Protein backbone atom coordinates (compact mmCIF):
# COMPACT_ATOMS: atom_id res chain seq x y z
CA MET A 1 241.52 256.75 -70.01
CA ASP A 2 240.19 259.49 -68.73
CA SER A 3 242.99 259.98 -66.34
CA VAL A 4 245.13 260.87 -69.50
CA LEU A 5 242.96 264.15 -69.86
CA ASN A 6 244.06 265.29 -66.28
CA VAL A 7 247.63 264.76 -66.27
CA SER A 8 250.61 267.03 -67.31
CA PRO A 9 250.98 267.68 -71.01
CA ALA A 10 254.56 265.78 -71.07
CA LEU A 11 252.91 262.86 -69.23
CA ALA A 12 249.87 262.91 -71.80
CA LEU A 13 252.22 262.78 -74.60
CA THR A 14 253.97 260.04 -73.04
CA LEU A 15 250.86 257.82 -72.48
CA VAL A 16 249.16 258.50 -75.80
CA GLY A 17 252.44 257.86 -77.68
CA LEU A 18 253.06 254.38 -75.58
CA LEU A 19 249.46 252.92 -76.12
CA VAL A 20 249.68 253.76 -79.90
CA PHE A 21 252.99 252.08 -80.16
CA ALA A 22 252.16 249.17 -77.82
CA GLU A 23 248.92 248.52 -79.73
CA ASP A 24 251.00 247.32 -82.86
CA ALA A 25 254.10 246.12 -80.96
CA LEU A 26 252.75 244.29 -78.29
CA PHE A 27 249.26 243.32 -79.33
CA VAL A 28 247.79 245.66 -76.70
CA GLY A 29 245.14 246.64 -79.10
CA PHE A 30 243.37 243.63 -78.11
CA VAL A 31 242.31 245.35 -75.04
CA ILE A 32 242.70 249.20 -75.82
CA PRO A 33 242.02 250.31 -79.55
CA GLY A 34 244.86 252.31 -80.73
CA GLU A 35 242.05 255.19 -81.92
CA THR A 36 240.88 255.74 -78.70
CA ALA A 37 244.30 256.86 -77.45
CA ALA A 38 244.61 258.83 -80.54
CA VAL A 39 241.21 260.54 -79.99
CA LEU A 40 242.10 261.33 -76.54
CA GLY A 41 245.47 263.16 -77.96
CA GLY A 42 243.18 265.26 -79.96
CA VAL A 43 241.03 266.08 -77.11
CA VAL A 44 244.43 267.10 -74.78
CA ALA A 45 245.14 269.20 -77.69
CA SER A 46 241.67 270.93 -78.00
CA ARG A 47 242.15 271.90 -74.32
CA GLY A 48 245.28 273.61 -74.86
CA HIS A 49 247.57 271.43 -73.07
CA VAL A 50 249.88 270.63 -76.07
CA GLN A 51 249.84 271.79 -79.61
CA LEU A 52 247.91 269.86 -82.23
CA TRP A 53 250.58 269.54 -84.52
CA LEU A 54 252.95 268.24 -82.14
CA MET A 55 250.14 265.49 -80.93
CA MET A 56 249.76 264.63 -84.63
CA ALA A 57 253.30 263.99 -85.24
CA LEU A 58 253.45 262.03 -82.10
CA VAL A 59 250.55 259.72 -82.86
CA VAL A 60 252.03 258.93 -86.53
CA LEU A 61 255.65 258.48 -85.48
CA ALA A 62 254.45 255.98 -82.46
CA ALA A 63 252.13 254.20 -85.05
CA ILE A 64 254.90 253.85 -87.67
CA ILE A 65 257.28 252.96 -84.86
CA GLY A 66 255.10 250.40 -83.25
CA ASP A 67 254.39 248.70 -86.74
CA THR A 68 258.32 248.42 -87.30
CA VAL A 69 258.73 246.66 -84.20
CA GLY A 70 255.70 244.42 -84.89
CA TYR A 71 257.34 243.75 -88.23
CA GLU A 72 260.43 242.51 -86.53
CA ILE A 73 258.79 240.42 -83.82
CA GLY A 74 256.95 238.53 -86.77
CA LYS A 75 260.09 238.18 -88.84
CA HIS A 76 262.16 236.85 -86.13
CA PHE A 77 259.58 235.02 -83.95
CA GLY A 78 256.70 234.61 -86.32
CA PRO A 79 255.31 231.19 -85.55
CA ARG A 80 255.63 231.31 -81.79
CA VAL A 81 253.93 234.53 -81.73
CA LEU A 82 251.01 233.25 -84.06
CA ASN A 83 250.72 230.20 -81.74
CA LEU A 84 250.29 232.48 -78.43
CA MET A 85 247.13 231.67 -76.12
CA VAL A 86 246.09 235.12 -76.81
CA MET A 87 245.60 234.26 -80.50
CA ASP A 88 243.67 231.10 -79.82
CA ARG A 89 240.16 232.88 -79.36
CA ARG A 90 240.82 234.99 -82.52
CA ARG A 91 242.25 232.22 -84.89
CA ALA A 92 239.50 232.53 -87.34
CA LYS A 93 240.19 236.59 -87.51
CA LEU A 94 243.87 235.62 -87.83
CA GLU A 95 243.31 233.49 -90.85
CA LYS A 96 241.17 236.10 -92.34
CA ALA A 97 244.26 238.66 -91.86
CA GLN A 98 246.66 236.19 -93.42
CA ASP A 99 244.58 235.75 -96.40
CA PHE A 100 244.10 239.51 -96.74
CA LEU A 101 247.79 239.84 -96.60
CA ARG A 102 248.42 237.21 -99.22
CA ARG A 103 246.02 238.83 -101.73
CA ARG A 104 246.67 242.28 -101.06
CA GLY A 105 250.12 242.42 -100.25
CA GLY A 106 251.39 246.16 -99.17
CA SER A 107 247.97 247.75 -99.57
CA ALA A 108 246.78 244.85 -96.68
CA VAL A 109 249.31 246.77 -94.72
CA PHE A 110 247.84 250.29 -95.37
CA LEU A 111 244.06 248.99 -95.04
CA GLY A 112 244.71 247.02 -91.83
CA ARG A 113 245.67 250.19 -90.22
CA PHE A 114 241.92 250.94 -90.16
CA VAL A 115 240.69 247.72 -88.82
CA ALA A 116 241.29 247.14 -85.08
CA PHE A 117 242.22 243.50 -85.05
CA PHE A 118 244.39 244.04 -88.26
CA ARG A 119 246.09 246.86 -86.93
CA ALA A 120 247.18 244.67 -84.01
CA VAL A 121 248.30 241.67 -86.19
CA MET A 122 249.32 242.58 -89.75
CA PRO A 123 252.58 244.26 -89.04
CA ALA A 124 253.72 240.76 -87.16
CA LEU A 125 252.13 238.74 -90.07
CA ALA A 126 253.92 240.93 -92.76
CA GLY A 127 257.22 240.11 -90.59
CA THR A 128 256.37 236.60 -90.89
CA SER A 129 255.76 236.39 -94.70
CA ARG A 130 259.02 238.08 -95.25
CA MET A 131 257.47 241.05 -96.86
CA HIS A 132 260.38 243.49 -98.54
CA TYR A 133 260.88 245.77 -95.61
CA PRO A 134 261.17 248.97 -97.84
CA ARG A 135 257.81 248.07 -99.17
CA PHE A 136 256.13 247.36 -95.91
CA LEU A 137 257.53 250.77 -94.56
CA ALA A 138 256.10 252.79 -97.61
CA PHE A 139 252.64 251.21 -96.76
CA ASN A 140 253.06 251.38 -93.20
CA ALA A 141 253.93 255.00 -93.01
CA ALA A 142 251.21 256.04 -95.47
CA GLY A 143 248.57 254.34 -93.24
CA GLY A 144 250.20 255.52 -90.12
CA LEU A 145 250.02 259.20 -91.47
CA VAL A 146 246.44 259.13 -92.87
CA TRP A 147 245.11 257.27 -89.45
CA GLY A 148 247.12 259.33 -86.98
CA VAL A 149 246.18 262.68 -88.42
CA GLY A 150 242.68 261.77 -88.91
CA PHE A 151 241.83 260.53 -85.50
CA VAL A 152 243.81 263.07 -83.39
CA LEU A 153 241.97 265.73 -85.70
CA LEU A 154 238.67 263.96 -84.86
CA GLY A 155 239.50 263.99 -81.12
CA PHE A 156 240.48 267.49 -81.28
CA LEU A 157 237.30 268.69 -83.14
CA ALA A 158 235.07 266.63 -80.87
CA GLY A 159 236.30 268.02 -77.79
CA ASN A 160 234.38 266.88 -74.52
CA SER A 161 232.33 264.67 -76.52
CA TYR A 162 235.45 262.30 -77.36
CA GLU A 163 233.48 259.30 -75.41
CA VAL A 164 230.85 258.96 -78.19
CA VAL A 165 233.66 259.56 -80.99
CA ALA A 166 235.63 257.17 -79.37
CA LYS A 167 233.11 254.45 -79.59
CA ILE A 168 232.30 254.86 -83.10
CA ALA A 169 235.89 255.55 -84.24
CA GLY A 170 236.85 252.01 -84.58
CA ARG A 171 233.70 251.08 -86.24
CA ASP A 172 231.69 253.52 -88.50
CA ILE A 173 234.39 255.98 -89.27
CA ALA A 174 237.10 253.45 -89.71
CA VAL A 175 235.05 251.68 -92.29
CA ILE A 176 234.43 254.92 -94.24
CA ILE A 177 238.04 255.77 -94.57
CA ALA A 178 239.04 252.21 -95.35
CA LEU A 179 236.18 252.30 -98.07
CA ALA A 180 237.51 255.59 -99.38
CA ALA A 181 240.88 254.01 -99.22
CA VAL A 182 239.87 251.15 -101.45
CA ALA A 183 238.30 253.21 -104.13
CA ALA A 184 241.56 255.27 -104.35
CA LEU A 185 243.40 252.05 -104.60
CA VAL A 186 241.15 250.60 -107.06
CA ILE A 187 241.25 253.71 -109.42
CA TRP A 188 244.88 253.80 -108.97
CA ARG A 189 245.40 250.30 -110.24
CA VAL A 190 243.25 250.45 -113.10
CA ARG A 191 245.09 253.75 -114.29
CA LYS A 192 248.56 252.06 -113.98
CA SER A 193 247.12 248.76 -115.81
CA ARG A 194 246.08 251.17 -118.76
CA ARG A 195 249.25 252.89 -118.86
CA GLY A 196 251.04 249.62 -118.88
CA ARG A 197 248.71 248.20 -121.74
CA ARG A 198 249.68 251.29 -123.64
CA ARG A 199 253.36 250.90 -123.22
CA THR A 200 253.19 247.27 -124.09
CA GLY A 201 250.68 247.38 -126.98
CA GLY A 202 252.23 250.35 -128.80
CA PRO A 203 250.63 253.76 -129.39
CA PRO A 204 246.70 253.57 -129.34
CA ALA A 205 244.84 254.36 -132.92
CA GLY A 206 244.01 258.14 -132.74
CA PRO A 207 244.08 261.07 -134.71
CA GLN A 208 247.86 260.96 -135.28
CA ASN A 209 247.61 257.89 -136.85
CA HIS A 210 245.04 258.73 -139.34
CA SER A 211 246.95 261.79 -140.44
CA VAL A 212 249.96 259.74 -141.62
CA ASP A 213 247.37 257.74 -143.81
CA ASP A 214 245.91 260.46 -144.98
CA ALA A 215 248.72 262.89 -145.91
CA PRO A 216 249.23 261.24 -149.44
CA GLU A 217 245.80 262.21 -150.39
CA ALA A 218 246.27 265.64 -149.23
CA ARG A 219 249.31 265.93 -151.79
């Protein structure tokens, strides 16, 4: 990974993009977590080799496209992919990911972006389960945007301390981001359910209803 910092800007962009892409499309995340590549991309930008916005755009795009390829692999080759030998030692984690996807649907695609193992297998699981692609793409793009911008910016701010950051990026920071995302999702769902009850249950009792009842007395 250190060699990424010592190559030409064009090659650095290529390597970072390929590592992020391959994590989700080809299960490379079992060996090299994608956040490590994203953080290194930020370090490359911090050294002035490439522009920060360009590295962010590349990582986000690679993450979204990688997930889409993983989705298609799961859709067309699902059972064979899940029965690969590389999955045998991770069968328990795979079952947890499948259960998470069944319970959470699209939000599992978004939140899975922040957990290393889930990030590698969630696109294929979504494809295997035949999740509606536009729904998958919406949550995939949202997760890729938050994750890509966040970790590249983290590497940019860390600079030469990237090794320490890369070690904790897939653990502590990812947990914090995921918890924040869960909290935001819960708040959104609560507000949505309240709006739904208001629509189906009619207008709630309030000052307007009382004003109608009181009108005759006023006269």
